[in-house]
Amino acid sequence: MREVNFFKSDSGRSPVEEFLDSLTSKQALKVAWVINLVEDMEVVPSQYFQKMKNTDDLWEVRVKVGSNIFRLLGFFDGQKLVVLSHAFQKKTQKTPRQAIQLAEERKRTYFKRNKK
């Protein structure tokens, strides 16, 4: 089906992995479960994975654990590879513009670095 990878900066840091490390074990398990859905299901329900409007072709992985809402933003590299580039805890109705800009910037960095 799909493969999910995490963006790595030029220095080798992975912002998404660092975010996941900051979660409780229950929260991290739920995020991992949703990422597995994205990898394994041909059609992922939109409550878990959907294309973001008004962005540079970004997608969001959507996770709810109790009253906490988490978003992992990423993009496709080809048909089957999803690269997650930013993660945060959502505290407002709208996704913060700064989070979208950061994910888009990391997408540009990724494709510049990985030109074939």
N, C-alpha and C. Protein backbone atom coordinates (compact mmCIF):
# COMPACT_ATOMS: atom_id res chain seq x y z
N MET A 1 0.84 -1.20 0.00
CA MET A 1 0.00 0.00 0.00
C MET A 1 0.89 1.26 0.00
N ARG A 2 0.94 1.98 1.15
CA ARG A 2 1.76 3.18 1.26
C ARG A 2 2.89 2.95 2.25
N GLU A 3 3.91 3.79 2.16
CA GLU A 3 4.98 3.78 3.13
C GLU A 3 5.04 5.17 3.74
N VAL A 4 5.18 5.25 5.07
CA VAL A 4 5.28 6.53 5.75
C VAL A 4 6.70 6.68 6.28
N ASN A 5 7.34 7.80 5.92
CA ASN A 5 8.66 8.15 6.43
C ASN A 5 8.58 9.49 7.13
N PHE A 6 9.59 9.78 7.93
CA PHE A 6 9.67 11.07 8.62
C PHE A 6 10.76 11.92 7.96
N PHE A 7 10.45 13.18 7.76
CA PHE A 7 11.41 14.14 7.23
C PHE A 7 12.60 14.25 8.19
N LYS A 8 13.79 14.34 7.62
CA LYS A 8 15.00 14.58 8.41
C LYS A 8 15.64 15.87 7.91
N SER A 9 16.07 16.71 8.85
CA SER A 9 16.74 17.96 8.48
C SER A 9 18.14 17.66 7.97
N ASP A 10 18.82 18.68 7.48
CA ASP A 10 20.19 18.50 7.00
C ASP A 10 21.10 18.00 8.11
N SER A 11 20.79 18.35 9.35
CA SER A 11 21.61 17.91 10.49
C SER A 11 21.22 16.51 10.98
N GLY A 12 20.18 15.92 10.35
CA GLY A 12 19.78 14.57 10.73
C GLY A 12 18.67 14.50 11.77
N ARG A 13 18.19 15.66 12.23
CA ARG A 13 17.09 15.69 13.19
C ARG A 13 15.77 15.33 12.50
N SER A 14 14.90 14.67 13.25
CA SER A 14 13.57 14.36 12.74
C SER A 14 12.55 15.03 13.67
N PRO A 15 11.99 16.18 13.24
CA PRO A 15 11.04 16.90 14.08
C PRO A 15 9.82 16.06 14.49
N VAL A 16 9.36 15.19 13.59
CA VAL A 16 8.18 14.37 13.90
C VAL A 16 8.55 13.33 14.96
N GLU A 17 9.70 12.68 14.82
CA GLU A 17 10.12 11.71 15.83
C GLU A 17 10.28 12.38 17.19
N GLU A 18 10.86 13.58 17.21
CA GLU A 18 11.04 14.31 18.47
C GLU A 18 9.68 14.62 19.10
N PHE A 19 8.71 14.99 18.27
CA PHE A 19 7.36 15.25 18.77
C PHE A 19 6.76 13.97 19.37
N LEU A 20 6.89 12.86 18.64
CA LEU A 20 6.33 11.59 19.12
C LEU A 20 6.98 11.17 20.44
N ASP A 21 8.26 11.44 20.58
CA ASP A 21 8.96 11.11 21.83
C ASP A 21 8.43 11.91 23.02
N SER A 22 7.81 13.06 22.75
CA SER A 22 7.30 13.91 23.83
C SER A 22 5.90 13.47 24.31
N LEU A 23 5.27 12.56 23.59
CA LEU A 23 3.91 12.13 23.93
C LEU A 23 3.93 11.05 25.02
N THR A 24 2.79 10.89 25.68
CA THR A 24 2.65 9.78 26.62
C THR A 24 2.60 8.48 25.81
N SER A 25 2.79 7.36 26.46
CA SER A 25 2.78 6.10 25.72
C SER A 25 1.41 5.84 25.08
N LYS A 26 0.33 6.19 25.77
CA LYS A 26 -1.02 6.01 25.21
C LYS A 26 -1.20 6.86 23.95
N GLN A 27 -0.75 8.11 24.01
CA GLN A 27 -0.86 9.00 22.86
C GLN A 27 -0.01 8.48 21.70
N ALA A 28 1.22 8.07 22.00
CA ALA A 28 2.12 7.58 20.95
C ALA A 28 1.57 6.31 20.29
N LEU A 29 0.95 5.44 21.09
CA LEU A 29 0.36 4.22 20.54
C LEU A 29 -0.77 4.56 19.56
N LYS A 30 -1.60 5.53 19.90
CA LYS A 30 -2.71 5.91 19.02
C LYS A 30 -2.18 6.53 17.73
N VAL A 31 -1.15 7.39 17.85
CA VAL A 31 -0.56 7.98 16.65
C VAL A 31 0.02 6.87 15.76
N ALA A 32 0.72 5.92 16.35
CA ALA A 32 1.30 4.81 15.59
C ALA A 32 0.20 3.99 14.91
N TRP A 33 -0.92 3.79 15.61
CA TRP A 33 -2.04 3.04 15.05
C TRP A 33 -2.59 3.75 13.82
N VAL A 34 -2.74 5.08 13.91
CA VAL A 34 -3.27 5.84 12.77
C VAL A 34 -2.28 5.84 11.60
N ILE A 35 -0.98 5.96 11.90
CA ILE A 35 0.03 5.89 10.84
C ILE A 35 -0.04 4.53 10.14
N ASN A 36 -0.26 3.47 10.91
CA ASN A 36 -0.41 2.14 10.31
C ASN A 36 -1.63 2.07 9.40
N LEU A 37 -2.72 2.74 9.79
CA LEU A 37 -3.90 2.79 8.90
C LEU A 37 -3.54 3.44 7.57
N VAL A 38 -2.80 4.55 7.65
CA VAL A 38 -2.40 5.27 6.44
C VAL A 38 -1.56 4.36 5.55
N GLU A 39 -0.70 3.56 6.17
CA GLU A 39 0.15 2.66 5.39
C GLU A 39 -0.64 1.49 4.80
N ASP A 40 -1.57 0.94 5.56
CA ASP A 40 -2.19 -0.33 5.19
C ASP A 40 -3.50 -0.24 4.42
N MET A 41 -4.26 0.83 4.59
CA MET A 41 -5.57 0.91 3.95
C MET A 41 -5.47 1.60 2.58
N GLU A 42 -6.12 1.01 1.59
CA GLU A 42 -6.15 1.62 0.26
C GLU A 42 -6.87 2.97 0.32
N VAL A 43 -8.03 2.99 0.98
CA VAL A 43 -8.80 4.22 1.17
C VAL A 43 -8.89 4.47 2.67
N VAL A 44 -8.20 5.51 3.12
CA VAL A 44 -8.16 5.84 4.55
C VAL A 44 -9.32 6.79 4.85
N PRO A 45 -10.12 6.50 5.89
CA PRO A 45 -11.21 7.42 6.24
C PRO A 45 -10.68 8.84 6.50
N SER A 46 -11.44 9.83 6.05
CA SER A 46 -10.97 11.22 6.15
C SER A 46 -10.83 11.70 7.60
N GLN A 47 -11.43 10.99 8.54
CA GLN A 47 -11.23 11.39 9.93
C GLN A 47 -9.78 11.15 10.37
N TYR A 48 -9.04 10.33 9.60
CA TYR A 48 -7.64 10.02 9.93
C TYR A 48 -6.62 10.62 8.96
N PHE A 49 -7.02 10.84 7.70
CA PHE A 49 -6.05 11.26 6.69
C PHE A 49 -6.78 12.00 5.60
N GLN A 50 -6.38 13.26 5.38
CA GLN A 50 -7.03 13.99 4.30
C GLN A 50 -6.13 15.09 3.76
N LYS A 51 -6.40 15.45 2.52
CA LYS A 51 -5.65 16.52 1.85
C LYS A 51 -6.09 17.85 2.44
N MET A 52 -5.12 18.73 2.65
CA MET A 52 -5.42 20.04 3.22
C MET A 52 -5.71 21.03 2.10
N LYS A 53 -6.73 21.83 2.30
CA LYS A 53 -7.09 22.86 1.32
C LYS A 53 -6.15 24.05 1.48
N ASN A 54 -5.96 24.79 0.40
CA ASN A 54 -5.17 26.02 0.39
C ASN A 54 -3.74 25.83 0.89
N THR A 55 -3.14 24.70 0.51
CA THR A 55 -1.74 24.45 0.86
C THR A 55 -1.02 23.97 -0.40
N ASP A 56 0.30 23.81 -0.28
CA ASP A 56 1.11 23.30 -1.38
C ASP A 56 1.05 21.77 -1.37
N ASP A 57 -0.15 21.23 -1.61
CA ASP A 57 -0.36 19.78 -1.70
C ASP A 57 0.05 19.04 -0.42
N LEU A 58 -0.30 19.60 0.73
CA LEU A 58 -0.03 18.94 2.01
C LEU A 58 -1.20 18.05 2.39
N TRP A 59 -0.87 17.01 3.15
CA TRP A 59 -1.86 16.10 3.71
C TRP A 59 -1.70 16.11 5.21
N GLU A 60 -2.78 15.79 5.93
CA GLU A 60 -2.66 15.72 7.38
C GLU A 60 -3.15 14.38 7.91
N VAL A 61 -2.36 13.85 8.84
CA VAL A 61 -2.75 12.68 9.61
C VAL A 61 -3.41 13.24 10.85
N ARG A 62 -4.63 12.78 11.12
CA ARG A 62 -5.44 13.35 12.20
C ARG A 62 -5.61 12.30 13.30
N VAL A 63 -5.24 12.69 14.52
CA VAL A 63 -5.29 11.76 15.65
C VAL A 63 -5.97 12.45 16.82
N LYS A 64 -6.93 11.73 17.43
CA LYS A 64 -7.61 12.24 18.63
C LYS A 64 -7.43 11.20 19.73
N VAL A 65 -6.88 11.66 20.86
CA VAL A 65 -6.70 10.80 22.02
C VAL A 65 -7.35 11.52 23.20
N GLY A 66 -8.51 11.03 23.63
CA GLY A 66 -9.24 11.73 24.69
C GLY A 66 -9.61 13.12 24.20
N SER A 67 -9.22 14.14 24.97
CA SER A 67 -9.52 15.51 24.57
C SER A 67 -8.36 16.14 23.78
N ASN A 68 -7.29 15.39 23.55
CA ASN A 68 -6.13 15.89 22.81
C ASN A 68 -6.27 15.58 21.32
N ILE A 69 -5.92 16.57 20.52
CA ILE A 69 -5.95 16.41 19.07
C ILE A 69 -4.55 16.68 18.54
N PHE A 70 -4.05 15.75 17.74
CA PHE A 70 -2.71 15.87 17.17
C PHE A 70 -2.81 15.86 15.66
N ARG A 71 -1.93 16.62 15.02
CA ARG A 71 -1.86 16.65 13.56
C ARG A 71 -0.42 16.41 13.14
N LEU A 72 -0.27 15.56 12.13
CA LEU A 72 1.03 15.33 11.52
C LEU A 72 0.88 15.73 10.06
N LEU A 73 1.64 16.71 9.64
CA LEU A 73 1.52 17.23 8.28
C LEU A 73 2.60 16.62 7.40
N GLY A 74 2.25 16.34 6.17
CA GLY A 74 3.22 15.75 5.26
C GLY A 74 2.79 15.89 3.81
N PHE A 75 3.49 15.13 2.97
CA PHE A 75 3.28 15.23 1.53
C PHE A 75 3.65 13.90 0.89
N PHE A 76 3.20 13.73 -0.34
CA PHE A 76 3.52 12.53 -1.10
C PHE A 76 4.79 12.75 -1.91
N ASP A 77 5.64 11.73 -1.96
CA ASP A 77 6.76 11.66 -2.88
C ASP A 77 6.45 10.47 -3.78
N GLY A 78 5.84 10.73 -4.92
CA GLY A 78 5.35 9.66 -5.77
C GLY A 78 3.97 9.23 -5.31
N GLN A 79 3.57 8.03 -5.71
CA GLN A 79 2.21 7.55 -5.41
C GLN A 79 2.08 6.91 -4.04
N LYS A 80 3.17 6.30 -3.54
CA LYS A 80 3.05 5.45 -2.36
C LYS A 80 3.82 5.92 -1.13
N LEU A 81 4.70 6.92 -1.27
CA LEU A 81 5.52 7.35 -0.14
C LEU A 81 4.95 8.63 0.46
N VAL A 82 4.62 8.59 1.74
CA VAL A 82 4.16 9.77 2.47
C VAL A 82 5.29 10.19 3.39
N VAL A 83 5.71 11.45 3.29
CA VAL A 83 6.77 11.98 4.14
C VAL A 83 6.13 12.95 5.13
N LEU A 84 6.17 12.61 6.42
CA LEU A 84 5.61 13.48 7.44
C LEU A 84 6.69 14.47 7.87
N SER A 85 6.36 15.76 7.80
CA SER A 85 7.39 16.78 8.01
C SER A 85 7.17 17.64 9.25
N HIS A 86 5.97 17.62 9.81
CA HIS A 86 5.72 18.47 10.98
C HIS A 86 4.59 17.84 11.80
N ALA A 87 4.68 17.98 13.12
CA ALA A 87 3.64 17.46 14.01
C ALA A 87 3.42 18.45 15.14
N PHE A 88 2.18 18.53 15.60
CA PHE A 88 1.87 19.44 16.70
C PHE A 88 0.56 19.03 17.35
N GLN A 89 0.34 19.57 18.55
CA GLN A 89 -0.93 19.37 19.23
C GLN A 89 -1.83 20.52 18.82
N LYS A 90 -3.00 20.19 18.35
CA LYS A 90 -3.94 21.20 17.86
C LYS A 90 -4.75 21.74 19.03
N LYS A 91 -4.73 23.06 19.18
CA LYS A 91 -5.44 23.68 20.30
C LYS A 91 -6.54 24.64 19.83
N THR A 92 -6.58 24.91 18.52
CA THR A 92 -7.60 25.81 17.99
C THR A 92 -8.32 25.12 16.84
N GLN A 93 -9.42 25.71 16.40
CA GLN A 93 -10.21 25.12 15.32
C GLN A 93 -9.42 25.04 14.02
N LYS A 94 -8.72 26.12 13.69
CA LYS A 94 -7.97 26.16 12.44
C LYS A 94 -6.53 25.71 12.66
N THR A 95 -5.96 25.07 11.65
CA THR A 95 -4.54 24.71 11.70
C THR A 95 -3.72 26.00 11.62
N PRO A 96 -2.80 26.21 12.55
CA PRO A 96 -2.01 27.45 12.53
C PRO A 96 -1.25 27.62 11.21
N ARG A 97 -1.30 28.82 10.66
CA ARG A 97 -0.62 29.12 9.39
C ARG A 97 0.88 28.82 9.50
N GLN A 98 1.45 29.10 10.66
CA GLN A 98 2.89 28.86 10.87
C GLN A 98 3.22 27.37 10.70
N ALA A 99 2.35 26.49 11.18
CA ALA A 99 2.57 25.05 11.05
C ALA A 99 2.54 24.64 9.58
N ILE A 100 1.61 25.20 8.82
CA ILE A 100 1.50 24.90 7.40
C ILE A 100 2.74 25.40 6.66
N GLN A 101 3.18 26.63 6.98
CA GLN A 101 4.36 27.18 6.31
C GLN A 101 5.60 26.36 6.61
N LEU A 102 5.74 25.89 7.85
CA LEU A 102 6.89 25.07 8.21
C LEU A 102 6.88 23.75 7.44
N ALA A 103 5.72 23.11 7.34
CA ALA A 103 5.60 21.86 6.60
C ALA A 103 5.91 22.07 5.12
N GLU A 104 5.43 23.19 4.55
CA GLU A 104 5.70 23.48 3.15
C GLU A 104 7.19 23.76 2.91
N GLU A 105 7.81 24.45 3.84
CA GLU A 105 9.25 24.74 3.73
C GLU A 105 10.06 23.43 3.78
N ARG A 106 9.68 22.53 4.67
CA ARG A 106 10.38 21.25 4.76
C ARG A 106 10.15 20.41 3.51
N LYS A 107 8.98 20.54 2.91
CA LYS A 107 8.71 19.83 1.66
C LYS A 107 9.64 20.33 0.57
N ARG A 108 9.80 21.64 0.46
CA ARG A 108 10.71 22.20 -0.55
C ARG A 108 12.15 21.72 -0.31
N THR A 109 12.57 21.73 0.96
CA THR A 109 13.92 21.26 1.32
C THR A 109 14.09 19.80 0.92
N TYR A 110 13.09 18.99 1.22
CA TYR A 110 13.14 17.56 0.90
C TYR A 110 13.34 17.33 -0.60
N PHE A 111 12.54 18.01 -1.42
CA PHE A 111 12.62 17.77 -2.86
C PHE A 111 13.89 18.37 -3.47
N LYS A 112 14.39 19.47 -2.92
CA LYS A 112 15.67 20.01 -3.40
C LYS A 112 16.79 19.02 -3.12
N ARG A 113 16.77 18.44 -1.93
CA ARG A 113 17.81 17.52 -1.50
C ARG A 113 17.71 16.18 -2.23
N ASN A 114 16.51 15.78 -2.60
CA ASN A 114 16.30 14.45 -3.18
C ASN A 114 16.03 14.48 -4.69
N LYS A 115 16.49 15.52 -5.36
CA LYS A 115 16.34 15.55 -6.81
C LYS A 115 17.10 14.38 -7.41
N LYS A 116 16.46 13.74 -8.35
CA LYS A 116 17.10 12.55 -8.96
C LYS A 116 17.87 12.95 -10.20
